[in-house]
Amino acid sequence: MKVLVCGATGFIGHNIVNHCISNEEYKIKAIYHKTTPPQYLKNHPQIEWIKADLTKAHEVDLLVKGIDIIIQAAATTSGANEIVNKPYFHVTDNALMNSLLLRSAFEHKVKHFIFFSCTVMYPSQSKPVLEEDFNCNITPKYFGVGWTKVYIEKMCEFYSQISDTKFTVIRHSNIYGPWDKFDLEKSHVFGATVTKVMTAQNKKITVWGEGTEKRDLLYIDDLLHFISLALKNQKEKFELVNVGSGKAVSVKDLVQKMIVQSGRKVELVFDRSKPTLPFNLSVNRDKAQEIFGWKPQVSLEEGIDKTLKWYCENYETHP
């Protein structure tokens, strides 16, 4: 089976490549744009690394020809700061690259297309949100990225109606783990928290805003497990599924857990002048369990331990 992994040097894509090479039946085309392939995977016999611009139609067409499975993890991404101050970052390139990939997948009769959506189109609410709870009322700060994701989801559904390709749309919660972004400007809440805890100076950690907003956090291995089940068990040509822990944890509680599990003695303080997204969300994962037999295996505490261990092995930390 020939597998095209788009965004293969990003956080999710990097982990997907590592996951795919455990299956000797897969021959992988690993696509990257700016971030170069990791040295330890450069010469792996199952992987062909290709630098490409997925916003260029002719490049996309050459990449997709002869492919059986597309796992689309390429995206223009950022953290909360850019979502608030530069919301256009998530619109144009993402809409364009996915439109081109979907058209090419149709033309070349790809067997299965995996698309990573997200949960930003959902309303903030206290109980786990169902797939059908999307009501078109996207919060203003997520308007651009949210509607771009919905557009791509609908394009997947459209192509499923006019082709034999199976499409899996994954509305995943906040994914974390090894190879995440640990950059305070560009990372999401978990990666930023790891960096703050592990590099804390003057025994203090600063959290943006009040720290009361809540997120659903899922360890990367659980997402990879879902992808395997989707490729194996999906019967319908189109499925849109929530994939998350089903539990909401506040940023404040996350930081406190991470401080304790890191063994570091630091004080938690709040910077209320920084951007914050006052949004509470967890996802209902019943559909994923009913259709694919999936449920998360890694607890938040175990995931924190695994991620901190990986971070310490790969980054220089400060005492």
Protein backbone atom coordinates (compact mmCIF):
# COMPACT_ATOMS: atom_id res chain seq x y z
CA MET A 1 0.00 0.00 0.00
CA LYS A 2 1.32 3.40 -1.00
CA VAL A 3 0.65 6.02 1.66
CA LEU A 4 1.02 9.77 1.15
CA VAL A 5 1.65 11.54 4.47
CA CYS A 6 1.28 15.30 4.01
CA GLY A 7 2.93 17.49 6.62
CA ALA A 8 5.29 14.65 7.52
CA THR A 9 7.69 16.80 9.55
CA GLY A 10 4.99 18.50 11.61
CA PHE A 11 3.91 17.28 15.04
CA ILE A 12 1.09 14.95 13.99
CA GLY A 13 2.68 14.04 10.65
CA HIS A 14 6.01 13.10 12.22
CA ASN A 15 4.25 10.73 14.60
CA ILE A 16 2.18 9.29 11.74
CA VAL A 17 5.33 8.50 9.75
CA ASN A 18 6.82 6.69 12.77
CA HIS A 19 3.54 4.81 13.19
CA CYS A 20 3.32 3.81 9.52
CA ILE A 21 6.82 2.35 9.32
CA SER A 22 5.80 -0.22 11.92
CA ASN A 23 3.67 -1.76 9.14
CA GLU A 24 5.99 -3.34 6.58
CA GLU A 25 3.18 -3.36 3.99
CA TYR A 26 3.29 0.44 3.75
CA LYS A 27 5.47 2.36 1.30
CA ILE A 28 5.43 5.98 2.43
CA LYS A 29 5.74 9.22 0.50
CA ALA A 30 6.51 11.74 3.22
CA ILE A 31 5.84 15.33 2.19
CA TYR A 32 7.43 18.35 3.85
CA HIS A 33 7.65 22.04 3.01
CA LYS A 34 9.85 24.11 5.35
CA THR A 35 10.90 21.81 8.18
CA THR A 36 13.45 19.27 6.95
CA PRO A 37 13.15 15.54 7.71
CA PRO A 38 14.68 14.28 10.97
CA GLN A 39 18.12 12.77 10.50
CA TYR A 40 17.19 9.38 11.98
CA LEU A 41 14.46 8.87 9.34
CA LYS A 42 16.17 10.36 6.28
CA ASN A 43 17.40 7.05 4.87
CA HIS A 44 14.65 4.75 6.09
CA PRO A 45 13.91 2.15 3.35
CA GLN A 46 10.12 2.54 3.62
CA ILE A 47 10.15 6.34 3.25
CA GLU A 48 10.57 8.58 0.23
CA TRP A 49 10.99 12.16 1.43
CA ILE A 50 9.71 14.82 -0.97
CA LYS A 51 9.83 18.59 -0.54
CA ALA A 52 6.71 20.12 -2.08
CA ASP A 53 4.35 23.07 -2.01
CA LEU A 54 0.81 21.74 -1.63
CA THR A 55 -0.66 25.03 -2.84
CA LYS A 56 0.72 24.27 -6.34
CA ALA A 57 -1.68 22.15 -8.43
CA HIS A 58 0.95 20.50 -10.62
CA GLU A 59 3.02 19.43 -7.60
CA VAL A 60 -0.02 17.97 -5.84
CA ASP A 61 -1.01 16.00 -8.93
CA LEU A 62 2.43 14.42 -9.26
CA LEU A 63 2.45 13.45 -5.59
CA VAL A 64 -1.01 11.83 -5.57
CA LYS A 65 -0.67 9.74 -8.73
CA GLY A 66 -0.45 6.06 -7.79
CA ILE A 67 -1.28 6.61 -4.10
CA ASP A 68 -3.67 4.32 -2.18
CA ILE A 69 -4.06 6.26 1.08
CA ILE A 70 -3.70 9.98 1.81
CA ILE A 71 -3.20 11.05 5.44
CA GLN A 72 -3.53 14.82 5.29
CA ALA A 73 -1.69 16.35 8.25
CA ALA A 74 -0.32 19.42 6.42
CA ALA A 75 -1.61 22.79 7.59
CA THR A 76 -0.68 26.34 8.35
CA THR A 77 -0.85 26.30 12.15
CA SER A 78 -0.20 28.59 15.09
CA GLY A 79 -0.95 29.16 18.74
CA ALA A 80 -3.50 31.31 20.54
CA ASN A 81 -1.55 34.53 19.96
CA GLU A 82 -1.81 34.33 16.17
CA ILE A 83 -5.39 33.01 16.25
CA VAL A 84 -6.29 36.23 18.07
CA ASN A 85 -4.02 38.72 16.28
CA LYS A 86 -3.54 37.18 12.81
CA PRO A 87 -6.65 35.05 12.17
CA TYR A 88 -6.12 35.07 8.40
CA PHE A 89 -3.15 32.68 8.92
CA HIS A 90 -5.51 29.72 8.97
CA VAL A 91 -7.65 30.49 5.94
CA THR A 92 -6.18 30.85 2.45
CA ASP A 93 -3.38 28.27 2.27
CA ASN A 94 -5.33 25.61 4.15
CA ALA A 95 -8.39 25.96 1.93
CA LEU A 96 -6.25 25.88 -1.20
CA MET A 97 -4.02 22.91 -0.38
CA ASN A 98 -6.94 20.75 0.74
CA SER A 99 -9.04 21.63 -2.31
CA LEU A 100 -6.18 20.58 -4.58
CA LEU A 101 -5.50 17.37 -2.67
CA LEU A 102 -9.17 16.37 -2.70
CA ARG A 103 -9.54 16.99 -6.43
CA SER A 104 -6.40 15.03 -7.17
CA ALA A 105 -7.50 12.18 -4.88
CA PHE A 106 -10.73 12.00 -6.88
CA GLU A 107 -8.98 12.08 -10.25
CA HIS A 108 -6.45 9.39 -9.27
CA LYS A 109 -8.98 7.17 -7.50
CA VAL A 110 -7.33 7.14 -4.07
CA LYS A 111 -8.83 4.44 -1.83
CA HIS A 112 -8.94 6.32 1.50
CA PHE A 113 -8.47 9.96 2.53
CA ILE A 114 -7.90 10.91 6.19
CA PHE A 115 -8.48 14.58 7.02
CA PHE A 116 -7.65 16.19 10.36
CA SER A 117 -10.27 18.77 11.17
CA CYS A 118 -10.55 20.15 14.71
CA THR A 119 -13.15 21.25 17.26
CA VAL A 120 -13.10 25.04 16.82
CA MET A 121 -16.49 25.03 15.07
CA TYR A 122 -18.22 23.78 18.21
CA PRO A 123 -19.92 26.06 20.73
CA SER A 124 -18.43 26.44 24.17
CA GLN A 125 -20.38 24.27 26.59
CA SER A 126 -20.04 22.42 29.87
CA LYS A 127 -21.00 18.91 28.67
CA PRO A 128 -19.16 16.83 26.03
CA VAL A 129 -20.18 18.04 22.58
CA LEU A 130 -21.69 15.70 19.97
CA GLU A 131 -20.84 15.81 16.26
CA GLU A 132 -24.33 17.15 15.50
CA ASP A 133 -23.99 19.93 18.08
CA PHE A 134 -22.33 22.13 15.45
CA ASN A 135 -24.92 24.88 14.96
CA CYS A 136 -23.09 27.29 12.59
CA ASN A 137 -22.54 29.77 15.43
CA ILE A 138 -18.75 29.75 15.46
CA THR A 139 -17.22 31.96 18.12
CA PRO A 140 -15.87 35.19 16.52
CA LYS A 141 -12.21 34.52 17.38
CA TYR A 142 -12.43 31.17 15.56
CA PHE A 143 -14.56 32.40 12.64
CA GLY A 144 -11.90 32.11 9.91
CA VAL A 145 -10.29 28.82 10.94
CA GLY A 146 -13.63 27.29 11.92
CA TRP A 147 -15.39 27.92 8.63
CA THR A 148 -12.31 26.87 6.66
CA LYS A 149 -12.39 23.51 8.46
CA VAL A 150 -16.14 23.14 7.84
CA TYR A 151 -15.64 23.90 4.14
CA ILE A 152 -12.99 21.17 3.84
CA GLU A 153 -15.19 18.71 5.76
CA LYS A 154 -18.01 19.38 3.28
CA MET A 155 -15.64 18.93 0.34
CA CYS A 156 -14.73 15.50 1.73
CA GLU A 157 -18.43 14.66 1.96
CA PHE A 158 -19.00 15.95 -1.59
CA TYR A 159 -16.24 13.82 -3.10
CA SER A 160 -17.45 10.77 -1.17
CA GLN A 161 -20.75 11.10 -3.05
CA ILE A 162 -19.17 11.10 -6.52
CA SER A 163 -16.32 8.62 -6.07
CA ASP A 164 -15.40 5.29 -4.50
CA THR A 165 -12.92 6.92 -2.10
CA LYS A 166 -13.55 6.55 1.61
CA PHE A 167 -13.19 9.74 3.64
CA THR A 168 -12.57 9.95 7.38
CA VAL A 169 -12.93 13.42 8.90
CA ILE A 170 -11.45 13.57 12.39
CA ARG A 171 -12.66 16.34 14.69
CA HIS A 172 -9.88 15.83 17.18
CA SER A 173 -9.37 17.64 20.44
CA ASN A 174 -6.03 19.14 21.56
CA ILE A 175 -3.36 16.58 20.68
CA TYR A 176 -0.09 16.48 22.63
CA GLY A 177 3.01 14.34 22.99
CA PRO A 178 6.49 13.80 21.46
CA TRP A 179 7.53 16.07 18.57
CA ASP A 180 4.95 18.69 19.54
CA LYS A 181 5.78 22.37 19.15
CA PHE A 182 7.38 23.62 22.34
CA ASP A 183 7.60 27.23 21.17
CA LEU A 184 5.91 29.82 23.37
CA GLU A 185 4.84 31.87 20.34
CA LYS A 186 3.51 29.08 18.12
CA SER A 187 2.61 26.12 20.31
CA HIS A 188 -0.79 25.16 21.64
CA VAL A 189 -1.63 25.10 25.32
CA PHE A 190 0.02 21.79 26.24
CA GLY A 191 3.33 22.38 24.45
CA ALA A 192 3.54 25.93 25.79
CA THR A 193 2.86 24.68 29.30
CA VAL A 194 5.63 22.08 29.08
CA THR A 195 8.10 24.77 28.03
CA LYS A 196 7.02 27.15 30.77
CA VAL A 197 7.30 24.49 33.47
CA MET A 198 10.63 23.08 32.31
CA THR A 199 12.34 26.43 31.69
CA ALA A 200 10.85 28.42 34.58
CA GLN A 201 13.11 31.16 35.88
CA ASN A 202 12.89 32.75 39.33
CA LYS A 203 10.66 29.84 40.43
CA LYS A 204 7.61 31.33 38.67
CA ILE A 205 5.40 30.23 35.76
CA THR A 206 3.23 32.78 33.99
CA VAL A 207 -0.07 31.69 32.46
CA TRP A 208 -1.91 33.90 29.99
CA GLY A 209 -5.30 35.18 31.16
CA GLU A 210 -7.11 33.60 34.11
CA GLY A 211 -6.34 29.96 33.34
CA THR A 212 -10.00 28.98 33.75
CA GLU A 213 -10.65 28.01 30.12
CA LYS A 214 -10.97 24.26 29.65
CA ARG A 215 -9.69 21.97 26.91
CA ASP A 216 -10.01 18.31 25.94
CA LEU A 217 -6.49 16.81 25.76
CA LEU A 218 -5.59 13.62 23.89
CA TYR A 219 -2.20 11.89 23.77
CA ILE A 220 -0.83 11.38 20.25
CA ASP A 221 -0.72 7.56 20.50
CA ASP A 222 -4.48 7.46 20.97
CA LEU A 223 -4.96 9.48 17.77
CA LEU A 224 -2.64 7.11 15.88
CA HIS A 225 -4.65 4.16 17.17
CA PHE A 226 -7.82 5.74 15.83
CA ILE A 227 -6.26 6.21 12.37
CA SER A 228 -5.35 2.51 12.26
CA LEU A 229 -8.89 1.51 13.18
CA ALA A 230 -10.41 3.90 10.63
CA LEU A 231 -8.28 2.46 7.82
CA LYS A 232 -9.20 -1.06 8.88
CA ASN A 233 -12.84 -0.82 9.97
CA GLN A 234 -14.58 1.99 8.08
CA LYS A 235 -17.46 0.68 5.97
CA GLU A 236 -19.27 3.85 4.87
CA LYS A 237 -17.68 6.16 2.30
CA PHE A 238 -17.89 9.17 4.63
CA GLU A 239 -17.53 9.38 8.38
CA LEU A 240 -17.11 12.48 10.54
CA VAL A 241 -16.07 11.58 14.06
CA ASN A 242 -15.06 13.26 17.31
CA VAL A 243 -11.77 11.93 18.66
CA GLY A 244 -10.86 13.13 22.14
CA SER A 245 -10.56 12.16 25.77
CA GLY A 246 -14.12 13.20 26.58
CA LYS A 247 -12.89 15.19 29.57
CA ALA A 248 -12.24 18.92 30.01
CA VAL A 249 -9.30 20.18 32.03
CA SER A 250 -8.63 23.84 32.84
CA VAL A 251 -5.33 25.44 31.90
CA LYS A 252 -4.78 26.20 35.57
CA ASP A 253 -5.26 22.54 36.55
CA LEU A 254 -3.06 21.38 33.67
CA VAL A 255 -0.21 23.61 34.82
CA GLN A 256 -0.58 22.48 38.40
CA LYS A 257 -0.54 18.80 37.37
CA MET A 258 2.54 19.36 35.25
CA ILE A 259 4.37 21.18 38.04
CA VAL A 260 3.71 18.31 40.42
CA GLN A 261 4.70 15.60 37.92
CA SER A 262 7.84 17.47 36.87
CA GLY A 263 9.03 17.59 40.48
CA ARG A 264 9.87 21.27 40.13
CA LYS A 265 9.11 23.83 42.83
CA VAL A 266 7.62 26.83 41.07
CA GLU A 267 4.83 29.33 41.67
CA LEU A 268 1.90 29.82 39.28
CA VAL A 269 1.10 33.45 38.36
CA PHE A 270 -1.28 34.95 35.80
CA ASP A 271 -0.63 37.61 33.14
CA ARG A 272 -4.07 39.06 32.39
CA SER A 273 -2.72 41.38 29.68
CA LYS A 274 -1.97 38.47 27.31
CA PRO A 275 -4.42 36.96 24.78
CA THR A 276 -6.73 34.27 26.08
CA LEU A 277 -9.53 32.28 24.49
CA PRO A 278 -12.30 31.98 27.12
CA PHE A 279 -13.68 28.73 25.78
CA ASN A 280 -14.68 25.46 27.46
CA LEU A 281 -14.89 22.28 25.43
CA SER A 282 -14.73 18.51 25.60
CA VAL A 283 -15.98 16.07 22.97
CA ASN A 284 -18.41 13.19 23.15
CA ARG A 285 -16.55 10.17 21.72
CA ASP A 286 -19.42 7.65 21.63
CA LYS A 287 -19.57 7.60 17.82
CA ALA A 288 -15.87 6.71 17.54
CA GLN A 289 -16.38 3.81 19.93
CA GLU A 290 -19.59 2.58 18.26
CA ILE A 291 -18.30 2.67 14.67
CA PHE A 292 -14.59 1.96 15.05
CA GLY A 293 -14.30 0.34 18.48
CA TRP A 294 -12.02 3.15 19.65
CA LYS A 295 -11.49 4.71 23.05
CA PRO A 296 -8.46 6.47 24.54
CA GLN A 297 -5.95 4.36 26.43
CA VAL A 298 -3.56 6.98 27.85
CA SER A 299 -4.64 9.01 30.90
CA LEU A 300 -3.68 12.67 31.19
CA GLU A 301 -1.27 11.89 34.03
CA GLU A 302 0.43 9.16 31.99
CA GLY A 303 0.53 11.41 28.93
CA ILE A 304 2.16 14.21 30.93
CA ASP A 305 4.80 11.78 32.22
CA LYS A 306 5.55 10.44 28.73
CA THR A 307 5.78 13.92 27.23
CA LEU A 308 7.97 15.34 30.01
CA LYS A 309 10.32 12.38 29.69
CA TRP A 310 10.59 12.87 25.92
CA TYR A 311 11.10 16.62 26.36
CA CYS A 312 13.93 16.10 28.86
CA GLU A 313 15.64 13.68 26.46
CA ASN A 314 15.41 16.07 23.51
CA TYR A 315 15.62 19.59 24.91
CA GLU A 316 18.09 21.34 27.16
CA THR A 317 16.26 22.43 30.30
CA HIS A 318 17.18 24.96 32.95
CA PRO A 319 17.53 24.14 36.64
